Amino acid sequence: MSAWWLPLLAAPFAGSLLFVLVRRLPREAPDLWGRSRCEACGQALAPWDLVPIVSFVAQQGRCRACGARISPDHLAAELAAVLIAGTVAATGADGGAGGAGAGGGLAAQPPAARQSQRAQTLRLMP
């Protein structure tokens, strides 16, 4: 059984982490790896506030403590990560070793088929 769904589950967490790091690095924040806090009131976020996509939607894009608006860029980064992971899973971009597109990658094809496909690609090139 293929675990193609694991990257889709992990992707929003990775997207969220990368987005937070990108926002904190230019400010050289001393708490680069510290607890996440509301940028308006400083309230530390609870674990249920950190569930990507779900917590943003559940809280209607606002801080649970003060009601300040949370930048929709957070949600966009999380959704972009899911889109990337979904595209990789759907196209079998892992070389055909798994995912929804298993068997479709060049590496999963016999050598004669790979050579034929390369020749066809070269003929299509201007």
PDB file of N, CA and C in Angstrom:
ATOM      1  N   MET A   1       0.838  -1.182   0.000  1.00  0.00           N
ATOM      2  CA  MET A   1       0.000   0.000   0.000  1.00  0.00           C
ATOM      3  C   MET A   1       0.884   1.246   0.000  1.00  0.00           C
ATOM      4  N   SER A   2       0.569   2.160  -0.866  1.00  0.00           N
ATOM      5  CA  SER A   2       1.350   3.376  -0.999  1.00  0.00           C
ATOM      6  C   SER A   2       0.887   4.433   0.002  1.00  0.00           C
ATOM      7  N   ALA A   3       1.825   5.164   0.531  1.00  0.00           N
ATOM      8  CA  ALA A   3       1.506   6.222   1.489  1.00  0.00           C
ATOM      9  C   ALA A   3       1.599   7.585   0.802  1.00  0.00           C
ATOM     10  N   TRP A   4       0.920   7.735  -0.342  1.00  0.00           N
ATOM     11  CA  TRP A   4       0.953   8.971  -1.106  1.00  0.00           C
ATOM     12  C   TRP A   4       0.365  10.136  -0.334  1.00  0.00           C
ATOM     13  N   TRP A   5      -0.470   9.859   0.657  1.00  0.00           N
ATOM     14  CA  TRP A   5      -1.151  10.894   1.416  1.00  0.00           C
ATOM     15  C   TRP A   5      -0.259  11.515   2.493  1.00  0.00           C
ATOM     16  N   LEU A   6       0.811  10.842   2.877  1.00  0.00           N
ATOM     17  CA  LEU A   6       1.695  11.389   3.920  1.00  0.00           C
ATOM     18  C   LEU A   6       2.281  12.746   3.545  1.00  0.00           C
ATOM     19  N   PRO A   7       2.815  12.916   2.326  1.00  0.00           N
ATOM     20  CA  PRO A   7       3.307  14.251   1.965  1.00  0.00           C
ATOM     21  C   PRO A   7       2.206  15.308   1.978  1.00  0.00           C
ATOM     22  N   LEU A   8       0.992  14.923   1.605  1.00  0.00           N
ATOM     23  CA  LEU A   8      -0.108  15.883   1.625  1.00  0.00           C
ATOM     24  C   LEU A   8      -0.442  16.313   3.050  1.00  0.00           C
ATOM     25  N   LEU A   9      -0.292  15.396   4.002  1.00  0.00           N
ATOM     26  CA  LEU A   9      -0.552  15.706   5.401  1.00  0.00           C
ATOM     27  C   LEU A   9       0.570  16.557   5.993  1.00  0.00           C
ATOM     28  N   ALA A  10       1.802  16.265   5.628  1.00  0.00           N
ATOM     29  CA  ALA A  10       2.955  16.989   6.177  1.00  0.00           C
ATOM     30  C   ALA A  10       3.175  18.345   5.507  1.00  0.00           C
ATOM     31  N   ALA A  11       2.746  18.495   4.269  1.00  0.00           N
ATOM     32  CA  ALA A  11       3.033  19.700   3.489  1.00  0.00           C
ATOM     33  C   ALA A  11       2.587  21.000   4.156  1.00  0.00           C
ATOM     34  N   PRO A  12       1.364  21.104   4.684  1.00  0.00           N
ATOM     35  CA  PRO A  12       0.994  22.398   5.274  1.00  0.00           C
ATOM     36  C   PRO A  12       1.826  22.753   6.498  1.00  0.00           C
ATOM     37  N   PHE A  13       2.273  21.743   7.250  1.00  0.00           N
ATOM     38  CA  PHE A  13       3.134  22.012   8.401  1.00  0.00           C
ATOM     39  C   PHE A  13       4.488  22.547   7.927  1.00  0.00           C
ATOM     40  N   ALA A  14       5.032  21.930   6.874  1.00  0.00           N
ATOM     41  CA  ALA A  14       6.306  22.393   6.315  1.00  0.00           C
ATOM     42  C   ALA A  14       6.160  23.792   5.731  1.00  0.00           C
ATOM     43  N   GLY A  15       5.066  24.032   5.016  1.00  0.00           N
ATOM     44  CA  GLY A  15       4.829  25.356   4.447  1.00  0.00           C
ATOM     45  C   GLY A  15       4.702  26.420   5.516  1.00  0.00           C
ATOM     46  N   SER A  16       4.014  26.086   6.597  1.00  0.00           N
ATOM     47  CA  SER A  16       3.847  27.019   7.706  1.00  0.00           C
ATOM     48  C   SER A  16       5.187  27.342   8.359  1.00  0.00           C
ATOM     49  N   LEU A  17       5.984  26.312   8.613  1.00  0.00           N
ATOM     50  CA  LEU A  17       7.299  26.514   9.225  1.00  0.00           C
ATOM     51  C   LEU A  17       8.195  27.374   8.338  1.00  0.00           C
ATOM     52  N   LEU A  18       8.241  27.058   7.057  1.00  0.00           N
ATOM     53  CA  LEU A  18       9.080  27.841   6.144  1.00  0.00           C
ATOM     54  C   LEU A  18       8.623  29.289   6.066  1.00  0.00           C
ATOM     55  N   PHE A  19       7.316  29.510   6.048  1.00  0.00           N
ATOM     56  CA  PHE A  19       6.814  30.877   5.983  1.00  0.00           C
ATOM     57  C   PHE A  19       7.188  31.664   7.230  1.00  0.00           C
ATOM     58  N   VAL A  20       7.055  31.041   8.395  1.00  0.00           N
ATOM     59  CA  VAL A  20       7.406  31.722   9.643  1.00  0.00           C
ATOM     60  C   VAL A  20       8.903  32.049   9.660  1.00  0.00           C
ATOM     61  N   LEU A  21       9.726  31.114   9.211  1.00  0.00           N
ATOM     62  CA  LEU A  21      11.168  31.376   9.171  1.00  0.00           C
ATOM     63  C   LEU A  21      11.497  32.520   8.210  1.00  0.00           C
ATOM     64  N   VAL A  22      10.850  32.534   7.065  1.00  0.00           N
ATOM     65  CA  VAL A  22      11.084  33.604   6.096  1.00  0.00           C
ATOM     66  C   VAL A  22      10.688  34.958   6.680  1.00  0.00           C
ATOM     67  N   ARG A  23       9.631  34.982   7.452  1.00  0.00           N
ATOM     68  CA  ARG A  23       9.212  36.249   8.081  1.00  0.00           C
ATOM     69  C   ARG A  23      10.141  36.661   9.214  1.00  0.00           C
ATOM     70  N   ARG A  24      10.683  35.701   9.944  1.00  0.00           N
ATOM     71  CA  ARG A  24      11.509  36.041  11.103  1.00  0.00           C
ATOM     72  C   ARG A  24      12.968  36.323  10.751  1.00  0.00           C
ATOM     73  N   LEU A  25      13.492  35.683   9.714  1.00  0.00           N
ATOM     74  CA  LEU A  25      14.911  35.854   9.376  1.00  0.00           C
ATOM     75  C   LEU A  25      15.302  37.298   9.074  1.00  0.00           C
ATOM     76  N   PRO A  26      14.576  38.029   8.246  1.00  0.00           N
ATOM     77  CA  PRO A  26      14.986  39.405   7.961  1.00  0.00           C
ATOM     78  C   PRO A  26      14.999  40.297   9.194  1.00  0.00           C
ATOM     79  N   ARG A  27      14.159  39.998  10.158  1.00  0.00           N
ATOM     80  CA  ARG A  27      14.119  40.801  11.387  1.00  0.00           C
ATOM     81  C   ARG A  27      15.176  40.364  12.383  1.00  0.00           C
ATOM     82  N   GLU A  28      15.884  39.286  12.046  1.00  0.00           N
ATOM     83  CA  GLU A  28      16.881  38.700  12.950  1.00  0.00           C
ATOM     84  C   GLU A  28      16.288  38.532  14.341  1.00  0.00           C
ATOM     85  N   ALA A  29      15.089  38.007  14.369  1.00  0.00           N
ATOM     86  CA  ALA A  29      14.383  37.803  15.634  1.00  0.00           C
ATOM     87  C   ALA A  29      15.169  36.854  16.527  1.00  0.00           C
ATOM     88  N   PRO A  30      15.370  37.237  17.795  1.00  0.00           N
ATOM     89  CA  PRO A  30      16.118  36.370  18.703  1.00  0.00           C
ATOM     90  C   PRO A  30      15.382  35.064  18.978  1.00  0.00           C
ATOM     91  N   ASP A  31      14.083  35.066  18.760  1.00  0.00           N
ATOM     92  CA  ASP A  31      13.282  33.873  19.015  1.00  0.00           C
ATOM     93  C   ASP A  31      12.985  33.126  17.721  1.00  0.00           C
ATOM     94  N   LEU A  32      13.997  33.011  16.871  1.00  0.00           N
ATOM     95  CA  LEU A  32      13.818  32.387  15.561  1.00  0.00           C
ATOM     96  C   LEU A  32      13.160  31.027  15.682  1.00  0.00           C
ATOM     97  N   TRP A  33      13.558  30.247  16.667  1.00  0.00           N
ATOM     98  CA  TRP A  33      12.989  28.917  16.866  1.00  0.00           C
ATOM     99  C   TRP A  33      12.073  28.879  18.080  1.00  0.00           C
ATOM    100  N   GLY A  34      11.713  30.047  18.607  1.00  0.00           N
ATOM    101  CA  GLY A  34      10.864  30.108  19.799  1.00  0.00           C
ATOM    102  C   GLY A  34       9.403  29.846  19.502  1.00  0.00           C
ATOM    103  N   ARG A  35       8.591  29.947  20.545  1.00  0.00           N
ATOM    104  CA  ARG A  35       7.143  29.737  20.425  1.00  0.00           C
ATOM    105  C   ARG A  35       6.538  30.755  19.482  1.00  0.00           C
ATOM    106  N   SER A  36       5.534  30.319  18.754  1.00  0.00           N
ATOM    107  CA  SER A  36       4.791  31.229  17.893  1.00  0.00           C
ATOM    108  C   SER A  36       3.854  32.063  18.749  1.00  0.00           C
ATOM    109  N   ARG A  37       3.773  33.343  18.403  1.00  0.00           N
ATOM    110  CA  ARG A  37       2.939  34.275  19.147  1.00  0.00           C
ATOM    111  C   ARG A  37       2.149  35.148  18.189  1.00  0.00           C
ATOM    112  N   CYS A  38       1.056  35.689  18.678  1.00  0.00           N
ATOM    113  CA  CYS A  38       0.296  36.661  17.900  1.00  0.00           C
ATOM    114  C   CYS A  38       1.186  37.881  17.710  1.00  0.00           C
ATOM    115  N   GLU A  39       1.266  38.372  16.491  1.00  0.00           N
ATOM    116  CA  GLU A  39       2.110  39.539  16.217  1.00  0.00           C
ATOM    117  C   GLU A  39       1.514  40.816  16.792  1.00  0.00           C
ATOM    118  N   ALA A  40       0.213  40.817  17.080  1.00  0.00           N
ATOM    119  CA  ALA A  40      -0.442  42.008  17.614  1.00  0.00           C
ATOM    120  C   ALA A  40      -0.372  42.079  19.136  1.00  0.00           C
ATOM    121  N   CYS A  41      -0.748  40.990  19.817  1.00  0.00           N
ATOM    122  CA  CYS A  41      -0.838  41.040  21.283  1.00  0.00           C
ATOM    123  C   CYS A  41       0.268  40.261  22.004  1.00  0.00           C
ATOM    124  N   GLY A  42       1.003  39.430  21.293  1.00  0.00           N
ATOM    125  CA  GLY A  42       2.084  38.675  21.908  1.00  0.00           C
ATOM    126  C   GLY A  42       1.658  37.398  22.603  1.00  0.00           C
ATOM    127  N   GLN A  43       0.382  37.058  22.543  1.00  0.00           N
ATOM    128  CA  GLN A  43      -0.127  35.840  23.180  1.00  0.00           C
ATOM    129  C   GLN A  43       0.505  34.610  22.527  1.00  0.00           C
ATOM    130  N   ALA A  44       1.063  33.707  23.354  1.00  0.00           N
ATOM    131  CA  ALA A  44       1.615  32.453  22.826  1.00  0.00           C
ATOM    132  C   ALA A  44       0.485  31.619  22.250  1.00  0.00           C
ATOM    133  N   LEU A  45       0.736  31.036  21.096  1.00  0.00           N
ATOM    134  CA  LEU A  45      -0.287  30.236  20.436  1.00  0.00           C
ATOM    135  C   LEU A  45      -0.345  28.839  21.049  1.00  0.00           C
ATOM    136  N   ALA A  46      -1.544  28.369  21.264  1.00  0.00           N
ATOM    137  CA  ALA A  46      -1.766  27.025  21.805  1.00  0.00           C
ATOM    138  C   ALA A  46      -1.558  26.011  20.676  1.00  0.00           C
ATOM    139  N   PRO A  47      -1.325  24.739  21.022  1.00  0.00           N
ATOM    140  CA  PRO A  47      -1.122  23.726  19.989  1.00  0.00           C
ATOM    141  C   PRO A  47      -2.254  23.676  18.958  1.00  0.00           C
ATOM    142  N   TRP A  48      -3.502  23.852  19.387  1.00  0.00           N
ATOM    143  CA  TRP A  48      -4.621  23.801  18.441  1.00  0.00           C
ATOM    144  C   TRP A  48      -4.675  25.047  17.545  1.00  0.00           C
ATOM    145  N   ASP A  49      -3.932  26.100  17.921  1.00  0.00           N
ATOM    146  CA  ASP A  49      -3.834  27.286  17.063  1.00  0.00           C
ATOM    147  C   ASP A  49      -2.811  27.084  15.950  1.00  0.00           C
ATOM    148  N   LEU A  50      -2.029  26.031  16.051  1.00  0.00           N
ATOM    149  CA  LEU A  50      -0.925  25.811  15.121  1.00  0.00           C
ATOM    150  C   LEU A  50      -1.221  24.762  14.055  1.00  0.00           C
ATOM    151  N   VAL A  51      -2.451  24.281  13.985  1.00  0.00           N
ATOM    152  CA  VAL A  51      -2.813  23.291  12.976  1.00  0.00           C
ATOM    153  C   VAL A  51      -3.042  24.041  11.662  1.00  0.00           C
ATOM    154  N   PRO A  52      -2.160  23.847  10.683  1.00  0.00           N
ATOM    155  CA  PRO A  52      -2.269  24.620   9.446  1.00  0.00           C
ATOM    156  C   PRO A  52      -3.627  24.462   8.770  1.00  0.00           C
ATOM    157  N   ILE A  53      -4.054  25.484   8.139  1.00  0.00           N
ATOM    158  CA  ILE A  53      -5.291  25.582   7.365  1.00  0.00           C
ATOM    159  C   ILE A  53      -6.515  25.476   8.279  1.00  0.00           C
ATOM    160  N   VAL A  54      -6.616  24.405   9.057  1.00  0.00           N
ATOM    161  CA  VAL A  54      -7.783  24.171   9.905  1.00  0.00           C
ATOM    162  C   VAL A  54      -7.944  25.286  10.938  1.00  0.00           C
ATOM    163  N   SER A  55      -6.868  25.645  11.643  1.00  0.00           N
ATOM    164  CA  SER A  55      -6.991  26.670  12.681  1.00  0.00           C
ATOM    165  C   SER A  55      -7.281  28.043  12.067  1.00  0.00           C
ATOM    166  N   PHE A  56      -6.706  28.332  10.897  1.00  0.00           N
ATOM    167  CA  PHE A  56      -6.972  29.613  10.246  1.00  0.00           C
ATOM    168  C   PHE A  56      -8.459  29.730   9.901  1.00  0.00           C
ATOM    169  N   VAL A  57      -9.009  28.674   9.332  1.00  0.00           N
ATOM    170  CA  VAL A  57     -10.416  28.678   8.940  1.00  0.00           C
ATOM    171  C   VAL A  57     -11.312  28.707  10.182  1.00  0.00           C
ATOM    172  N   ALA A  58     -10.989  27.898  11.187  1.00  0.00           N
ATOM    173  CA  ALA A  58     -11.802  27.822  12.401  1.00  0.00           C
ATOM    174  C   ALA A  58     -11.837  29.159  13.140  1.00  0.00           C
ATOM    175  N   GLN A  59     -10.737  29.884  13.130  1.00  0.00           N
ATOM    176  CA  GLN A  59     -10.655  31.176  13.827  1.00  0.00           C
ATOM    177  C   GLN A  59     -10.982  32.339  12.897  1.00  0.00           C
ATOM    178  N   GLN A  60     -11.397  32.024  11.680  1.00  0.00           N
ATOM    179  CA  GLN A  60     -11.776  33.022  10.688  1.00  0.00           C
ATOM    180  C   GLN A  60     -10.672  34.053  10.451  1.00  0.00           C
ATOM    181  N   GLY A  61      -9.414  33.567  10.481  1.00  0.00           N
ATOM    182  CA  GLY A  61      -8.277  34.427  10.184  1.00  0.00           C
ATOM    183  C   GLY A  61      -7.989  35.474  11.242  1.00  0.00           C
ATOM    184  N   ARG A  62      -8.375  35.196  12.475  1.00  0.00           N
ATOM    185  CA  ARG A  62      -8.169  36.159  13.559  1.00  0.00           C
ATOM    186  C   ARG A  62      -7.519  35.487  14.763  1.00  0.00           C
ATOM    187  N   CYS A  63      -6.818  36.293  15.557  1.00  0.00           N
ATOM    188  CA  CYS A  63      -6.187  35.801  16.791  1.00  0.00           C
ATOM    189  C   CYS A  63      -7.281  35.403  17.778  1.00  0.00           C
ATOM    190  N   ARG A  64      -7.111  34.271  18.394  1.00  0.00           N
ATOM    191  CA  ARG A  64      -8.077  33.782  19.389  1.00  0.00           C
ATOM    192  C   ARG A  64      -8.123  34.697  20.603  1.00  0.00           C
ATOM    193  N   ALA A  65      -6.984  35.308  20.971  1.00  0.00           N
ATOM    194  CA  ALA A  65      -6.910  36.116  22.186  1.00  0.00           C
ATOM    195  C   ALA A  65      -7.399  37.554  21.977  1.00  0.00           C
ATOM    196  N   CYS A  66      -6.922  38.232  20.928  1.00  0.00           N
ATOM    197  CA  CYS A  66      -7.233  39.656  20.776  1.00  0.00           C
ATOM    198  C   CYS A  66      -8.109  39.968  19.572  1.00  0.00           C
ATOM    199  N   GLY A  67      -8.307  39.000  18.689  1.00  0.00           N
ATOM    200  CA  GLY A  67      -9.146  39.225  17.519  1.00  0.00           C
ATOM    201  C   GLY A  67      -8.453  39.925  16.365  1.00  0.00           C
ATOM    202  N   ALA A  68      -7.150  40.157  16.484  1.00  0.00           N
ATOM    203  CA  ALA A  68      -6.411  40.817  15.405  1.00  0.00           C
ATOM    204  C   ALA A  68      -6.384  39.924  14.170  1.00  0.00           C
ATOM    205  N   ARG A  69      -6.367  40.559  13.014  1.00  0.00           N
ATOM    206  CA  ARG A  69      -6.370  39.836  11.742  1.00  0.00           C
ATOM    207  C   ARG A  69      -5.021  39.143  11.536  1.00  0.00           C
ATOM    208  N   ILE A  70      -5.068  37.883  11.161  1.00  0.00           N
ATOM    209  CA  ILE A  70      -3.859  37.121  10.820  1.00  0.00           C
ATOM    210  C   ILE A  70      -3.667  37.249   9.321  1.00  0.00           C
ATOM    211  N   SER A  71      -2.459  37.523   8.911  1.00  0.00           N
ATOM    212  CA  SER A  71      -2.175  37.699   7.490  1.00  0.00           C
ATOM    213  C   SER A  71      -2.601  36.460   6.704  1.00  0.00           C
ATOM    214  N   PRO A  72      -3.359  36.654   5.623  1.00  0.00           N
ATOM    215  CA  PRO A  72      -3.754  35.511   4.803  1.00  0.00           C
ATOM    216  C   PRO A  72      -2.562  34.880   4.079  1.00  0.00           C
ATOM    217  N   ASP A  73      -1.405  35.529   4.154  1.00  0.00           N
ATOM    218  CA  ASP A  73      -0.198  34.949   3.566  1.00  0.00           C
ATOM    219  C   ASP A  73       0.161  33.623   4.239  1.00  0.00           C
ATOM    220  N   HIS A  74      -0.151  33.501   5.525  1.00  0.00           N
ATOM    221  CA  HIS A  74       0.095  32.235   6.226  1.00  0.00           C
ATOM    222  C   HIS A  74      -0.698  31.110   5.566  1.00  0.00           C
ATOM    223  N   LEU A  75      -1.982  31.360   5.346  1.00  0.00           N
ATOM    224  CA  LEU A  75      -2.844  30.368   4.710  1.00  0.00           C
ATOM    225  C   LEU A  75      -2.369  30.082   3.286  1.00  0.00           C
ATOM    226  N   ALA A  76      -1.986  31.112   2.565  1.00  0.00           N
ATOM    227  CA  ALA A  76      -1.515  30.935   1.179  1.00  0.00           C
ATOM    228  C   ALA A  76      -0.273  30.052   1.130  1.00  0.00           C
ATOM    229  N   ALA A  77       0.649  30.246   2.060  1.00  0.00           N
ATOM    230  CA  ALA A  77       1.869  29.424   2.090  1.00  0.00           C
ATOM    231  C   ALA A  77       1.541  27.966   2.385  1.00  0.00           C
ATOM    232  N   GLU A  78       0.616  27.729   3.291  1.00  0.00           N
ATOM    233  CA  GLU A  78       0.221  26.366   3.644  1.00  0.00           C
ATOM    234  C   GLU A  78      -0.484  25.687   2.467  1.00  0.00           C
ATOM    235  N   LEU A  79      -1.369  26.421   1.795  1.00  0.00           N
ATOM    236  CA  LEU A  79      -2.068  25.858   0.639  1.00  0.00           C
ATOM    237  C   LEU A  79      -1.116  25.618  -0.528  1.00  0.00           C
ATOM    238  N   ALA A  80      -0.142  26.511  -0.708  1.00  0.00           N
ATOM    239  CA  ALA A  80       0.849  26.330  -1.777  1.00  0.00           C
ATOM    240  C   ALA A  80       1.661  25.058  -1.534  1.00  0.00           C
ATOM    241  N   ALA A  81       2.020  24.805  -0.292  1.00  0.00           N
ATOM    242  CA  ALA A  81       2.769  23.592   0.035  1.00  0.00           C
ATOM    243  C   ALA A  81       1.948  22.338  -0.267  1.00  0.00           C
ATOM    244  N   VAL A  82       0.648  22.379   0.032  1.00  0.00           N
ATOM    245  CA  VAL A  82      -0.226  21.246  -0.273  1.00  0.00           C
ATOM    246  C   VAL A  82      -0.330  21.063  -1.784  1.00  0.00           C
ATOM    247  N   LEU A  83      -0.439  22.164  -2.515  1.00  0.00           N
ATOM    248  CA  LEU A  83      -0.527  22.100  -3.973  1.00  0.00           C
ATOM    249  C   LEU A  83       0.732  21.475  -4.574  1.00  0.00           C
ATOM    250  N   ILE A  84       1.885  21.873  -4.072  1.00  0.00           N
ATOM    251  CA  ILE A  84       3.146  21.309  -4.559  1.00  0.00           C
ATOM    252  C   ILE A  84       3.216  19.818  -4.250  1.00  0.00           C
ATOM    253  N   ALA A  85       2.901  19.441  -3.013  1.00  0.00           N
ATOM    254  CA  ALA A  85       2.942  18.019  -2.629  1.00  0.00           C
ATOM    255  C   ALA A  85       1.929  17.215  -3.433  1.00  0.00           C
ATOM    256  N   GLY A  86       0.757  17.777  -3.657  1.00  0.00           N
ATOM    257  CA  GLY A  86      -0.262  17.085  -4.440  1.00  0.00           C
ATOM    258  C   GLY A  86       0.161  16.889  -5.882  1.00  0.00           C
ATOM    259  N   THR A  87       0.807  17.901  -6.443  1.00  0.00           N
ATOM    260  CA  THR A  87       1.291  17.798  -7.820  1.00  0.00           C
ATOM    261  C   THR A  87       2.362  16.724  -7.933  1.00  0.00           C
ATOM    262  N   VAL A  88       3.269  16.695  -6.983  1.00  0.00           N
ATOM    263  CA  VAL A  88       4.329  15.681  -6.988  1.00  0.00           C
ATOM    264  C   VAL A  88       3.719  14.285  -6.852  1.00  0.00           C
ATOM    265  N   ALA A  89       2.768  14.133  -5.954  1.00  0.00           N
ATOM    266  CA  ALA A  89       2.132  12.823  -5.753  1.00  0.00           C
ATOM    267  C   ALA A  89       1.341  12.396  -6.988  1.00  0.00           C
ATOM    268  N   ALA A  90       0.636  13.342  -7.605  1.00  0.00           N
ATOM    269  CA  ALA A  90      -0.222  13.010  -8.742  1.00  0.00           C
ATOM    270  C   ALA A  90       0.564  12.694 -10.006  1.00  0.00           C
ATOM    271  N   THR A  91       1.714  13.326 -10.174  1.00  0.00           N
ATOM    272  CA  THR A  91       2.485  13.118 -11.399  1.00  0.00           C
ATOM    273  C   THR A  91       3.524  12.019 -11.255  1.00  0.00           C
ATOM    274  N   GLY A  92       3.677  11.512 -10.070  1.00  0.00           N
ATOM    275  CA  GLY A  92       4.684  10.476  -9.867  1.00  0.00           C
ATOM    276  C   GLY A  92       6.083  11.031 -10.053  1.00  0.00           C
ATOM    277  N   ALA A  93       6.291  12.280  -9.675  1.00  0.00           N
ATOM    278  CA  ALA A  93       7.579  12.940  -9.868  1.00  0.00           C
ATOM    279  C   ALA A  93       8.677  12.372  -8.977  1.00  0.00           C
ATOM    280  N   ASP A  94       8.353  11.336  -8.226  1.00  0.00           N
ATOM    281  CA  ASP A  94       9.363  10.690  -7.392  1.00  0.00           C
ATOM    282  C   ASP A  94      10.116   9.621  -8.178  1.00  0.00           C
ATOM    283  N   GLY A  95      10.015   9.642  -9.480  1.00  0.00           N
ATOM    284  CA  GLY A  95      10.732   8.687 -10.315  1.00  0.00           C
ATOM    285  C   GLY A  95       9.974   7.390 -10.501  1.00  0.00           C
ATOM    286  N   GLY A  96       8.692   7.385 -10.146  1.00  0.00           N
ATOM    287  CA  GLY A  96       7.884   6.187 -10.334  1.00  0.00           C
ATOM    288  C   GLY A  96       7.991   5.209  -9.185  1.00  0.00           C
ATOM    289  N   ALA A  97       8.626   5.601  -8.084  1.00  0.00           N
ATOM    290  CA  ALA A  97       8.804   4.691  -6.962  1.00  0.00           C
ATOM    291  C   ALA A  97       7.583   4.635  -6.051  1.00  0.00           C
ATOM    292  N   GLY A  98       6.583   5.447  -6.303  1.00  0.00           N
ATOM    293  CA  GLY A  98       5.398   5.438  -5.459  1.00  0.00           C
ATOM    294  C   GLY A  98       4.510   6.590  -5.820  1.00  0.00           C
ATOM    295  N   GLY A  99       3.505   6.827  -5.008  1.00  0.00           N
ATOM    296  CA  GLY A  99       2.598   7.935  -5.254  1.00  0.00           C
ATOM    297  C   GLY A  99       1.489   7.534  -6.206  1.00  0.00           C
ATOM    298  N   ALA A 100       0.592   8.463  -6.428  1.00  0.00           N
ATOM    299  CA  ALA A 100      -0.568   8.194  -7.270  1.00  0.00           C
ATOM    300  C   ALA A 100      -0.162   7.913  -8.702  1.00  0.00           C
ATOM    301  N   GLY A 101       0.981   8.441  -9.133  1.00  0.00           N
ATOM    302  CA  GLY A 101       1.428   8.236 -10.504  1.00  0.00           C
ATOM    303  C   GLY A 101       2.438   7.118 -10.616  1.00  0.00           C
ATOM    304  N   ALA A 102       2.422   6.172  -9.700  1.00  0.00           N
ATOM    305  CA  ALA A 102       3.408   5.090  -9.698  1.00  0.00           C
ATOM    306  C   ALA A 102       3.421   4.369 -11.036  1.00  0.00           C
ATOM    307  N   GLY A 103       4.601   4.122 -11.521  1.00  0.00           N
ATOM    308  CA  GLY A 103       4.751   3.419 -12.779  1.00  0.00           C
ATOM    309  C   GLY A 103       4.806   4.353 -13.967  1.00  0.00           C
ATOM    310  N   GLY A 104       4.546   5.630 -13.754  1.00  0.00           N
ATOM    311  CA  GLY A 104       4.513   6.566 -14.859  1.00  0.00           C
ATOM    312  C   GLY A 104       5.835   7.275 -15.084  1.00  0.00           C
ATOM    313  N   GLY A 105       6.753   7.185 -14.126  1.00  0.00           N
ATOM    314  CA  GLY A 105       8.023   7.880 -14.248  1.00  0.00           C
ATOM    315  C   GLY A 105       8.965   7.156 -15.196  1.00  0.00           C
ATOM    316  N   LEU A 106       9.940   7.873 -15.716  1.00  0.00           N
ATOM    317  CA  LEU A 106      10.898   7.271 -16.640  1.00  0.00           C
ATOM    318  C   LEU A 106      11.669   6.125 -16.001  1.00  0.00           C
ATOM    319  N   ALA A 107      12.001   6.258 -14.715  1.00  0.00           N
ATOM    320  CA  ALA A 107      12.806   5.242 -14.057  1.00  0.00           C
ATOM    321  C   ALA A 107      12.082   3.901 -13.967  1.00  0.00           C
ATOM    322  N   ALA A 108      10.740   3.913 -14.002  1.00  0.00           N
ATOM    323  CA  ALA A 108       9.977   2.681 -13.871  1.00  0.00           C
ATOM    324  C   ALA A 108       9.809   1.961 -15.206  1.00  0.00           C
ATOM    325  N   GLN A 109      10.220   2.574 -16.297  1.00  0.00           N
ATOM    326  CA  GLN A 109      10.043   1.984 -17.612  1.00  0.00           C
ATOM    327  C   GLN A 109      11.269   1.167 -17.998  1.00  0.00           C
ATOM    328  N   PRO A 110      11.080   0.152 -18.835  1.00  0.00           N
ATOM    329  CA  PRO A 110      12.228  -0.617 -19.310  1.00  0.00           C
ATOM    330  C   PRO A 110      13.129   0.273 -20.172  1.00  0.00           C
ATOM    331  N   PRO A 111      14.424  -0.060 -20.275  1.00  0.00           N
ATOM    332  CA  PRO A 111      15.372   0.773 -21.007  1.00  0.00           C
ATOM    333  C   PRO A 111      14.934   1.079 -22.444  1.00  0.00           C
ATOM    334  N   ALA A 112      14.362   0.126 -23.146  1.00  0.00           N
ATOM    335  CA  ALA A 112      13.948   0.360 -24.535  1.00  0.00           C
ATOM    336  C   ALA A 112      12.862   1.426 -24.597  1.00  0.00           C
ATOM    337  N   ALA A 113      11.938   1.406 -23.653  1.00  0.00           N
ATOM    338  CA  ALA A 113      10.864   2.400 -23.623  1.00  0.00           C
ATOM    339  C   ALA A 113      11.424   3.778 -23.308  1.00  0.00           C
ATOM    340  N   ARG A 114      12.400   3.842 -22.382  1.00  0.00           N
ATOM    341  CA  ARG A 114      13.023   5.129 -22.047  1.00  0.00           C
ATOM    342  C   ARG A 114      13.720   5.704 -23.263  1.00  0.00           C
ATOM    343  N   GLN A 115      14.467   4.859 -24.000  1.00  0.00           N
ATOM    344  CA  GLN A 115      15.191   5.327 -25.170  1.00  0.00           C
ATOM    345  C   GLN A 115      14.211   5.797 -26.242  1.00  0.00           C
ATOM    346  N   SER A 116      13.116   5.069 -26.436  1.00  0.00           N
ATOM    347  CA  SER A 116      12.109   5.454 -27.411  1.00  0.00           C
ATOM    348  C   SER A 116      11.471   6.785 -27.035  1.00  0.00           C
ATOM    349  N   GLN A 117      11.197   6.967 -25.737  1.00  0.00           N
ATOM    350  CA  GLN A 117      10.586   8.206 -25.283  1.00  0.00           C
ATOM    351  C   GLN A 117      11.547   9.376 -25.454  1.00  0.00           C
ATOM    352  N   ARG A 118      12.833   9.168 -25.181  1.00  0.00           N
ATOM    353  CA  ARG A 118      13.830  10.223 -25.376  1.00  0.00           C
ATOM    354  C   ARG A 118      13.933  10.600 -26.853  1.00  0.00           C
ATOM    355  N   ALA A 119      13.922   9.616 -27.720  1.00  0.00           N
ATOM    356  CA  ALA A 119      14.009   9.887 -29.156  1.00  0.00           C
ATOM    357  C   ALA A 119      12.787  10.692 -29.614  1.00  0.00           C
ATOM    358  N   GLN A 120      11.630  10.321 -29.121  1.00  0.00           N
ATOM    359  CA  GLN A 120      10.415  11.052 -29.479  1.00  0.00           C
ATOM    360  C   GLN A 120      10.480  12.494 -28.980  1.00  0.00           C
ATOM    361  N   THR A 121      10.993  12.670 -27.784  1.00  0.00           N
ATOM    362  CA  THR A 121      11.135  14.018 -27.229  1.00  0.00           C
ATOM    363  C   THR A 121      12.087  14.844 -28.083  1.00  0.00           C
ATOM    364  N   LEU A 122      13.191  14.254 -28.495  1.00  0.00           N
ATOM    365  CA  LEU A 122      14.163  14.981 -29.336  1.00  0.00           C
ATOM    366  C   LEU A 122      13.570  15.371 -30.678  1.00  0.00           C
ATOM    367  N   ARG A 123      12.713  14.522 -31.232  1.00  0.00           N
ATOM    368  CA  ARG A 123      12.073  14.856 -32.514  1.00  0.00           C
ATOM    369  C   ARG A 123      11.116  16.025 -32.361  1.00  0.00           C
ATOM    370  N   LEU A 124      10.528  16.185 -31.175  1.00  0.00           N
ATOM    371  CA  LEU A 124       9.583  17.275 -30.948  1.00  0.00           C
ATOM    372  C   LEU A 124      10.281  18.598 -30.724  1.00  0.00           C
ATOM    373  N   MET A 125      11.542  18.539 -30.336  1.00  0.00           N
ATOM    374  CA  MET A 125      12.282  19.770 -30.061  1.00  0.00           C
ATOM    375  C   MET A 125      12.628  20.464 -31.372  1.00  0.00           C
ATOM    376  N   PRO A 126      12.563  21.811 -31.410  1.00  0.00           N
ATOM    377  CA  PRO A 126      12.874  22.542 -32.624  1.00  0.00           C
ATOM    378  C   PRO A 126      14.346  22.504 -32.967  1.00  0.00           C
TER     379      PRO A 126
END
